[in-house]
Amino acid sequence: MAFNPGLLMHARELMNRFREQHPKVEPFMREAGSRITEGSVVEMKVTTPDGREICSNIRITADDMEMIREVREAIHK
């Protein structure tokens, strides 16, 4: 797969727009992410405009923690 700098720039623009529209998400993710350890449960919930809810969760494994570590390292390079 070839590297596409245009796609990377577009993704960066989308992320910047998301940050502007939802300024609380990044600080929340940073704080929550700093507390996640093996055995933590991460829950996601969506509430639709008509009030219906869907919810799911995962328990963080050692494998997940390794992936998180690798992603953090890649982001901070």
PDB file of N, CA and C in Angstrom:
ATOM      1  N   MET A   1       0.841  -1.172   0.000  1.00  0.00           N
ATOM      2  CA  MET A   1       0.000   0.000   0.000  1.00  0.00           C
ATOM      3  C   MET A   1       0.889   1.240   0.000  1.00  0.00           C
ATOM      4  N   ALA A   2       0.618   2.167  -0.901  1.00  0.00           N
ATOM      5  CA  ALA A   2       1.418   3.377  -1.037  1.00  0.00           C
ATOM      6  C   ALA A   2       0.975   4.430  -0.030  1.00  0.00           C
ATOM      7  N   PHE A   3       1.917   5.210   0.439  1.00  0.00           N
ATOM      8  CA  PHE A   3       1.648   6.318   1.348  1.00  0.00           C
ATOM      9  C   PHE A   3       1.000   7.458   0.577  1.00  0.00           C
ATOM     10  N   ASN A   4      -0.095   7.971   1.089  1.00  0.00           N
ATOM     11  CA  ASN A   4      -0.824   9.042   0.429  1.00  0.00           C
ATOM     12  C   ASN A   4      -0.809  10.279   1.318  1.00  0.00           C
ATOM     13  N   PRO A   5       0.093  11.251   1.061  1.00  0.00           N
ATOM     14  CA  PRO A   5       0.165  12.434   1.918  1.00  0.00           C
ATOM     15  C   PRO A   5      -1.124  13.258   1.910  1.00  0.00           C
ATOM     16  N   GLY A   6      -1.841  13.253   0.776  1.00  0.00           N
ATOM     17  CA  GLY A   6      -3.100  13.986   0.706  1.00  0.00           C
ATOM     18  C   GLY A   6      -4.121  13.423   1.672  1.00  0.00           C
ATOM     19  N   LEU A   7      -4.161  12.104   1.773  1.00  0.00           N
ATOM     20  CA  LEU A   7      -5.094  11.459   2.696  1.00  0.00           C
ATOM     21  C   LEU A   7      -4.731  11.792   4.143  1.00  0.00           C
ATOM     22  N   LEU A   8      -3.451  11.804   4.441  1.00  0.00           N
ATOM     23  CA  LEU A   8      -3.001  12.154   5.788  1.00  0.00           C
ATOM     24  C   LEU A   8      -3.386  13.592   6.134  1.00  0.00           C
ATOM     25  N   MET A   9      -3.214  14.504   5.206  1.00  0.00           N
ATOM     26  CA  MET A   9      -3.587  15.901   5.443  1.00  0.00           C
ATOM     27  C   MET A   9      -5.102  16.042   5.645  1.00  0.00           C
ATOM     28  N   HIS A  10      -5.871  15.306   4.849  1.00  0.00           N
ATOM     29  CA  HIS A  10      -7.333  15.345   4.992  1.00  0.00           C
ATOM     30  C   HIS A  10      -7.745  14.806   6.360  1.00  0.00           C
ATOM     31  N   ALA A  11      -7.127  13.718   6.798  1.00  0.00           N
ATOM     32  CA  ALA A  11      -7.435  13.149   8.106  1.00  0.00           C
ATOM     33  C   ALA A  11      -7.103  14.150   9.206  1.00  0.00           C
ATOM     34  N   ARG A  12      -6.002  14.857   9.068  1.00  0.00           N
ATOM     35  CA  ARG A  12      -5.620  15.869  10.053  1.00  0.00           C
ATOM     36  C   ARG A  12      -6.661  16.994  10.090  1.00  0.00           C
ATOM     37  N   GLU A  13      -7.120  17.432   8.925  1.00  0.00           N
ATOM     38  CA  GLU A  13      -8.155  18.469   8.863  1.00  0.00           C
ATOM     39  C   GLU A  13      -9.439  18.010   9.539  1.00  0.00           C
ATOM     40  N   LEU A  14      -9.821  16.757   9.300  1.00  0.00           N
ATOM     41  CA  LEU A  14     -11.031  16.214   9.929  1.00  0.00           C
ATOM     42  C   LEU A  14     -10.880  16.157  11.446  1.00  0.00           C
ATOM     43  N   MET A  15      -9.719  15.732  11.912  1.00  0.00           N
ATOM     44  CA  MET A  15      -9.477  15.665  13.356  1.00  0.00           C
ATOM     45  C   MET A  15      -9.515  17.054  13.975  1.00  0.00           C
ATOM     46  N   ASN A  16      -8.935  18.049  13.299  1.00  0.00           N
ATOM     47  CA  ASN A  16      -8.959  19.418  13.821  1.00  0.00           C
ATOM     48  C   ASN A  16     -10.392  19.936  13.910  1.00  0.00           C
ATOM     49  N   ARG A  17     -11.197  19.642  12.888  1.00  0.00           N
ATOM     50  CA  ARG A  17     -12.594  20.067  12.908  1.00  0.00           C
ATOM     51  C   ARG A  17     -13.348  19.384  14.053  1.00  0.00           C
ATOM     52  N   PHE A  18     -13.093  18.087  14.247  1.00  0.00           N
ATOM     53  CA  PHE A  18     -13.735  17.352  15.342  1.00  0.00           C
ATOM     54  C   PHE A  18     -13.355  17.971  16.682  1.00  0.00           C
ATOM     55  N   ARG A  19     -12.069  18.297  16.862  1.00  0.00           N
ATOM     56  CA  ARG A  19     -11.615  18.917  18.120  1.00  0.00           C
ATOM     57  C   ARG A  19     -12.311  20.257  18.368  1.00  0.00           C
ATOM     58  N   GLU A  20     -12.483  21.040  17.307  1.00  0.00           N
ATOM     59  CA  GLU A  20     -13.159  22.337  17.442  1.00  0.00           C
ATOM     60  C   GLU A  20     -14.629  22.163  17.823  1.00  0.00           C
ATOM     61  N   GLN A  21     -15.292  21.194  17.232  1.00  0.00           N
ATOM     62  CA  GLN A  21     -16.718  20.984  17.474  1.00  0.00           C
ATOM     63  C   GLN A  21     -17.002  20.276  18.798  1.00  0.00           C
ATOM     64  N   HIS A  22     -16.030  19.524  19.295  1.00  0.00           N
ATOM     65  CA  HIS A  22     -16.215  18.723  20.520  1.00  0.00           C
ATOM     66  C   HIS A  22     -15.000  18.881  21.431  1.00  0.00           C
ATOM     67  N   PRO A  23     -14.793  20.074  21.997  1.00  0.00           N
ATOM     68  CA  PRO A  23     -13.565  20.343  22.757  1.00  0.00           C
ATOM     69  C   PRO A  23     -13.398  19.517  24.029  1.00  0.00           C
ATOM     70  N   LYS A  24     -14.433  18.920  24.547  1.00  0.00           N
ATOM     71  CA  LYS A  24     -14.323  18.140  25.783  1.00  0.00           C
ATOM     72  C   LYS A  24     -13.830  16.714  25.553  1.00  0.00           C
ATOM     73  N   VAL A  25     -13.902  16.233  24.308  1.00  0.00           N
ATOM     74  CA  VAL A  25     -13.574  14.833  24.045  1.00  0.00           C
ATOM     75  C   VAL A  25     -12.092  14.541  24.285  1.00  0.00           C
ATOM     76  N   GLU A  26     -11.216  15.356  23.729  1.00  0.00           N
ATOM     77  CA  GLU A  26      -9.784  15.067  23.844  1.00  0.00           C
ATOM     78  C   GLU A  26      -9.297  15.083  25.298  1.00  0.00           C
ATOM     79  N   PRO A  27      -9.649  16.100  26.101  1.00  0.00           N
ATOM     80  CA  PRO A  27      -9.222  16.053  27.506  1.00  0.00           C
ATOM     81  C   PRO A  27      -9.793  14.841  28.251  1.00  0.00           C
ATOM     82  N   PHE A  28     -11.046  14.489  27.946  1.00  0.00           N
ATOM     83  CA  PHE A  28     -11.640  13.314  28.583  1.00  0.00           C
ATOM     84  C   PHE A  28     -10.854  12.055  28.213  1.00  0.00           C
ATOM     85  N   MET A  29     -10.574  11.892  26.917  1.00  0.00           N
ATOM     86  CA  MET A  29      -9.850  10.699  26.466  1.00  0.00           C
ATOM     87  C   MET A  29      -8.454  10.642  27.075  1.00  0.00           C
ATOM     88  N   ARG A  30      -7.806  11.780  27.185  1.00  0.00           N
ATOM     89  CA  ARG A  30      -6.464  11.815  27.782  1.00  0.00           C
ATOM     90  C   ARG A  30      -6.528  11.386  29.248  1.00  0.00           C
ATOM     91  N   GLU A  31      -7.499  11.947  29.997  1.00  0.00           N
ATOM     92  CA  GLU A  31      -7.641  11.600  31.416  1.00  0.00           C
ATOM     93  C   GLU A  31      -8.043  10.143  31.587  1.00  0.00           C
ATOM     94  N   ALA A  32      -9.070   9.713  30.863  1.00  0.00           N
ATOM     95  CA  ALA A  32      -9.525   8.323  30.980  1.00  0.00           C
ATOM     96  C   ALA A  32      -8.423   7.367  30.540  1.00  0.00           C
ATOM     97  N   GLY A  33      -7.759   7.706  29.446  1.00  0.00           N
ATOM     98  CA  GLY A  33      -6.702   6.841  28.927  1.00  0.00           C
ATOM     99  C   GLY A  33      -5.553   6.670  29.900  1.00  0.00           C
ATOM    100  N   SER A  34      -5.281   7.704  30.676  1.00  0.00           N
ATOM    101  CA  SER A  34      -4.177   7.610  31.640  1.00  0.00           C
ATOM    102  C   SER A  34      -4.524   6.695  32.811  1.00  0.00           C
ATOM    103  N   ARG A  35      -5.808   6.376  32.975  1.00  0.00           N
ATOM    104  CA  ARG A  35      -6.242   5.538  34.095  1.00  0.00           C
ATOM    105  C   ARG A  35      -6.543   4.098  33.688  1.00  0.00           C
ATOM    106  N   ILE A  36      -6.545   3.815  32.408  1.00  0.00           N
ATOM    107  CA  ILE A  36      -6.875   2.466  31.943  1.00  0.00           C
ATOM    108  C   ILE A  36      -5.730   1.517  32.252  1.00  0.00           C
ATOM    109  N   THR A  37      -6.068   0.417  32.877  1.00  0.00           N
ATOM    110  CA  THR A  37      -5.103  -0.647  33.149  1.00  0.00           C
ATOM    111  C   THR A  37      -5.755  -1.973  32.780  1.00  0.00           C
ATOM    112  N   GLU A  38      -4.959  -3.013  32.766  1.00  0.00           N
ATOM    113  CA  GLU A  38      -5.509  -4.341  32.492  1.00  0.00           C
ATOM    114  C   GLU A  38      -6.613  -4.630  33.503  1.00  0.00           C
ATOM    115  N   GLY A  39      -7.743  -5.096  33.024  1.00  0.00           N
ATOM    116  CA  GLY A  39      -8.884  -5.384  33.881  1.00  0.00           C
ATOM    117  C   GLY A  39      -9.907  -4.259  33.924  1.00  0.00           C
ATOM    118  N   SER A  40      -9.528  -3.065  33.443  1.00  0.00           N
ATOM    119  CA  SER A  40     -10.487  -1.960  33.378  1.00  0.00           C
ATOM    120  C   SER A  40     -11.607  -2.319  32.406  1.00  0.00           C
ATOM    121  N   VAL A  41     -12.783  -1.770  32.636  1.00  0.00           N
ATOM    122  CA  VAL A  41     -13.912  -1.967  31.737  1.00  0.00           C
ATOM    123  C   VAL A  41     -14.191  -0.632  31.047  1.00  0.00           C
ATOM    124  N   VAL A  42     -14.200  -0.661  29.727  1.00  0.00           N
ATOM    125  CA  VAL A  42     -14.522   0.527  28.936  1.00  0.00           C
ATOM    126  C   VAL A  42     -15.915   0.313  28.370  1.00  0.00           C
ATOM    127  N   GLU A  43     -16.799   1.272  28.656  1.00  0.00           N
ATOM    128  CA  GLU A  43     -18.188   1.164  28.221  1.00  0.00           C
ATOM    129  C   GLU A  43     -18.503   2.279  27.237  1.00  0.00           C
ATOM    130  N   MET A  44     -19.268   1.926  26.209  1.00  0.00           N
ATOM    131  CA  MET A  44     -19.714   2.908  25.219  1.00  0.00           C
ATOM    132  C   MET A  44     -21.225   2.878  25.168  1.00  0.00           C
ATOM    133  N   LYS A  45     -21.825   4.079  25.108  1.00  0.00           N
ATOM    134  CA  LYS A  45     -23.277   4.178  25.086  1.00  0.00           C
ATOM    135  C   LYS A  45     -23.678   5.231  24.060  1.00  0.00           C
ATOM    136  N   VAL A  46     -24.689   4.915  23.276  1.00  0.00           N
ATOM    137  CA  VAL A  46     -25.253   5.855  22.311  1.00  0.00           C
ATOM    138  C   VAL A  46     -26.732   6.011  22.640  1.00  0.00           C
ATOM    139  N   THR A  47     -27.160   7.266  22.741  1.00  0.00           N
ATOM    140  CA  THR A  47     -28.574   7.570  22.926  1.00  0.00           C
ATOM    141  C   THR A  47     -29.043   8.326  21.694  1.00  0.00           C
ATOM    142  N   THR A  48     -30.006   7.771  20.989  1.00  0.00           N
ATOM    143  CA  THR A  48     -30.515   8.400  19.772  1.00  0.00           C
ATOM    144  C   THR A  48     -31.436   9.564  20.145  1.00  0.00           C
ATOM    145  N   PRO A  49     -31.709  10.461  19.201  1.00  0.00           N
ATOM    146  CA  PRO A  49     -32.597  11.590  19.496  1.00  0.00           C
ATOM    147  C   PRO A  49     -33.967  11.164  20.029  1.00  0.00           C
ATOM    148  N   ASP A  50     -34.427   9.972  19.650  1.00  0.00           N
ATOM    149  CA  ASP A  50     -35.740   9.528  20.142  1.00  0.00           C
ATOM    150  C   ASP A  50     -35.642   8.762  21.470  1.00  0.00           C
ATOM    151  N   GLY A  51     -34.451   8.768  22.079  1.00  0.00           N
ATOM    152  CA  GLY A  51     -34.290   8.196  23.415  1.00  0.00           C
ATOM    153  C   GLY A  51     -33.871   6.741  23.472  1.00  0.00           C
ATOM    154  N   ARG A  52     -33.738   6.075  22.333  1.00  0.00           N
ATOM    155  CA  ARG A  52     -33.292   4.678  22.353  1.00  0.00           C
ATOM    156  C   ARG A  52     -31.803   4.629  22.700  1.00  0.00           C
ATOM    157  N   GLU A  53     -31.418   3.602  23.417  1.00  0.00           N
ATOM    158  CA  GLU A  53     -30.030   3.457  23.845  1.00  0.00           C
ATOM    159  C   GLU A  53     -29.449   2.139  23.375  1.00  0.00           C
ATOM    160  N   ILE A  54     -28.175   2.173  23.057  1.00  0.00           N
ATOM    161  CA  ILE A  54     -27.408   0.962  22.798  1.00  0.00           C
ATOM    162  C   ILE A  54     -26.107   1.101  23.586  1.00  0.00           C
ATOM    163  N   CYS A  55     -25.734   0.032  24.237  1.00  0.00           N
ATOM    164  CA  CYS A  55     -24.578   0.092  25.118  1.00  0.00           C
ATOM    165  C   CYS A  55     -23.769  -1.199  24.971  1.00  0.00           C
ATOM    166  N   SER A  56     -22.467  -1.069  25.069  1.00  0.00           N
ATOM    167  CA  SER A  56     -21.591  -2.234  25.023  1.00  0.00           C
ATOM    168  C   SER A  56     -20.353  -1.921  25.860  1.00  0.00           C
ATOM    169  N   ASN A  57     -19.627  -2.961  26.265  1.00  0.00           N
ATOM    170  CA  ASN A  57     -18.393  -2.730  27.008  1.00  0.00           C
ATOM    171  C   ASN A  57     -17.377  -3.808  26.703  1.00  0.00           C
ATOM    172  N   ILE A  58     -16.136  -3.489  27.015  1.00  0.00           N
ATOM    173  CA  ILE A  58     -15.040  -4.455  26.874  1.00  0.00           C
ATOM    174  C   ILE A  58     -14.180  -4.401  28.130  1.00  0.00           C
ATOM    175  N   ARG A  59     -13.621  -5.532  28.504  1.00  0.00           N
ATOM    176  CA  ARG A  59     -12.655  -5.583  29.596  1.00  0.00           C
ATOM    177  C   ARG A  59     -11.263  -5.566  28.955  1.00  0.00           C
ATOM    178  N   ILE A  60     -10.422  -4.654  29.399  1.00  0.00           N
ATOM    179  CA  ILE A  60      -9.098  -4.467  28.816  1.00  0.00           C
ATOM    180  C   ILE A  60      -8.179  -5.628  29.205  1.00  0.00           C
ATOM    181  N   THR A  61      -7.546  -6.202  28.193  1.00  0.00           N
ATOM    182  CA  THR A  61      -6.633  -7.335  28.395  1.00  0.00           C
ATOM    183  C   THR A  61      -5.186  -6.859  28.302  1.00  0.00           C
ATOM    184  N   ALA A  62      -4.258  -7.741  28.619  1.00  0.00           N
ATOM    185  CA  ALA A  62      -2.832  -7.429  28.482  1.00  0.00           C
ATOM    186  C   ALA A  62      -2.506  -7.113  27.023  1.00  0.00           C
ATOM    187  N   ASP A  63      -3.121  -7.837  26.109  1.00  0.00           N
ATOM    188  CA  ASP A  63      -2.936  -7.589  24.677  1.00  0.00           C
ATOM    189  C   ASP A  63      -3.392  -6.177  24.303  1.00  0.00           C
ATOM    190  N   ASP A  64      -4.543  -5.769  24.833  1.00  0.00           N
ATOM    191  CA  ASP A  64      -5.050  -4.417  24.589  1.00  0.00           C
ATOM    192  C   ASP A  64      -4.066  -3.371  25.112  1.00  0.00           C
ATOM    193  N   MET A  65      -3.512  -3.605  26.297  1.00  0.00           N
ATOM    194  CA  MET A  65      -2.567  -2.656  26.887  1.00  0.00           C
ATOM    195  C   MET A  65      -1.319  -2.520  26.020  1.00  0.00           C
ATOM    196  N   GLU A  66      -0.868  -3.609  25.432  1.00  0.00           N
ATOM    197  CA  GLU A  66       0.294  -3.552  24.540  1.00  0.00           C
ATOM    198  C   GLU A  66      -0.045  -2.723  23.296  1.00  0.00           C
ATOM    199  N   MET A  67      -1.227  -2.933  22.738  1.00  0.00           N
ATOM    200  CA  MET A  67      -1.643  -2.156  21.572  1.00  0.00           C
ATOM    201  C   MET A  67      -1.726  -0.669  21.916  1.00  0.00           C
ATOM    202  N   ILE A  68      -2.303  -0.344  23.072  1.00  0.00           N
ATOM    203  CA  ILE A  68      -2.409   1.048  23.514  1.00  0.00           C
ATOM    204  C   ILE A  68      -1.020   1.657  23.654  1.00  0.00           C
ATOM    205  N   ARG A  69      -0.094   0.907  24.230  1.00  0.00           N
ATOM    206  CA  ARG A  69       1.288   1.399  24.385  1.00  0.00           C
ATOM    207  C   ARG A  69       1.903   1.696  23.028  1.00  0.00           C
ATOM    208  N   GLU A  70       1.726   0.799  22.063  1.00  0.00           N
ATOM    209  CA  GLU A  70       2.292   0.986  20.726  1.00  0.00           C
ATOM    210  C   GLU A  70       1.681   2.200  20.030  1.00  0.00           C
ATOM    211  N   VAL A  71       0.361   2.371  20.167  1.00  0.00           N
ATOM    212  CA  VAL A  71      -0.288   3.525  19.554  1.00  0.00           C
ATOM    213  C   VAL A  71       0.225   4.818  20.159  1.00  0.00           C
ATOM    214  N   ARG A  72       0.342   4.856  21.482  1.00  0.00           N
ATOM    215  CA  ARG A  72       0.863   6.056  22.159  1.00  0.00           C
ATOM    216  C   ARG A  72       2.257   6.384  21.652  1.00  0.00           C
ATOM    217  N   GLU A  73       3.104   5.375  21.554  1.00  0.00           N
ATOM    218  CA  GLU A  73       4.481   5.602  21.068  1.00  0.00           C
ATOM    219  C   GLU A  73       4.489   6.141  19.653  1.00  0.00           C
ATOM    220  N   ALA A  74       3.619   5.594  18.795  1.00  0.00           N
ATOM    221  CA  ALA A  74       3.559   6.034  17.398  1.00  0.00           C
ATOM    222  C   ALA A  74       3.083   7.481  17.310  1.00  0.00           C
ATOM    223  N   ILE A  75       2.136   7.854  18.147  1.00  0.00           N
ATOM    224  CA  ILE A  75       1.595   9.217  18.134  1.00  0.00           C
ATOM    225  C   ILE A  75       2.646  10.208  18.606  1.00  0.00           C
ATOM    226  N   HIS A  76       3.451   9.829  19.573  1.00  0.00           N
ATOM    227  CA  HIS A  76       4.402  10.766  20.180  1.00  0.00           C
ATOM    228  C   HIS A  76       5.747  10.811  19.466  1.00  0.00           C
ATOM    229  N   LYS A  77       5.873  10.113  18.355  1.00  0.00           N
ATOM    230  CA  LYS A  77       7.139  10.142  17.601  1.00  0.00           C
ATOM    231  C   LYS A  77       7.189  11.344  16.709  1.00  0.00           C
TER     232      LYS A  77
END
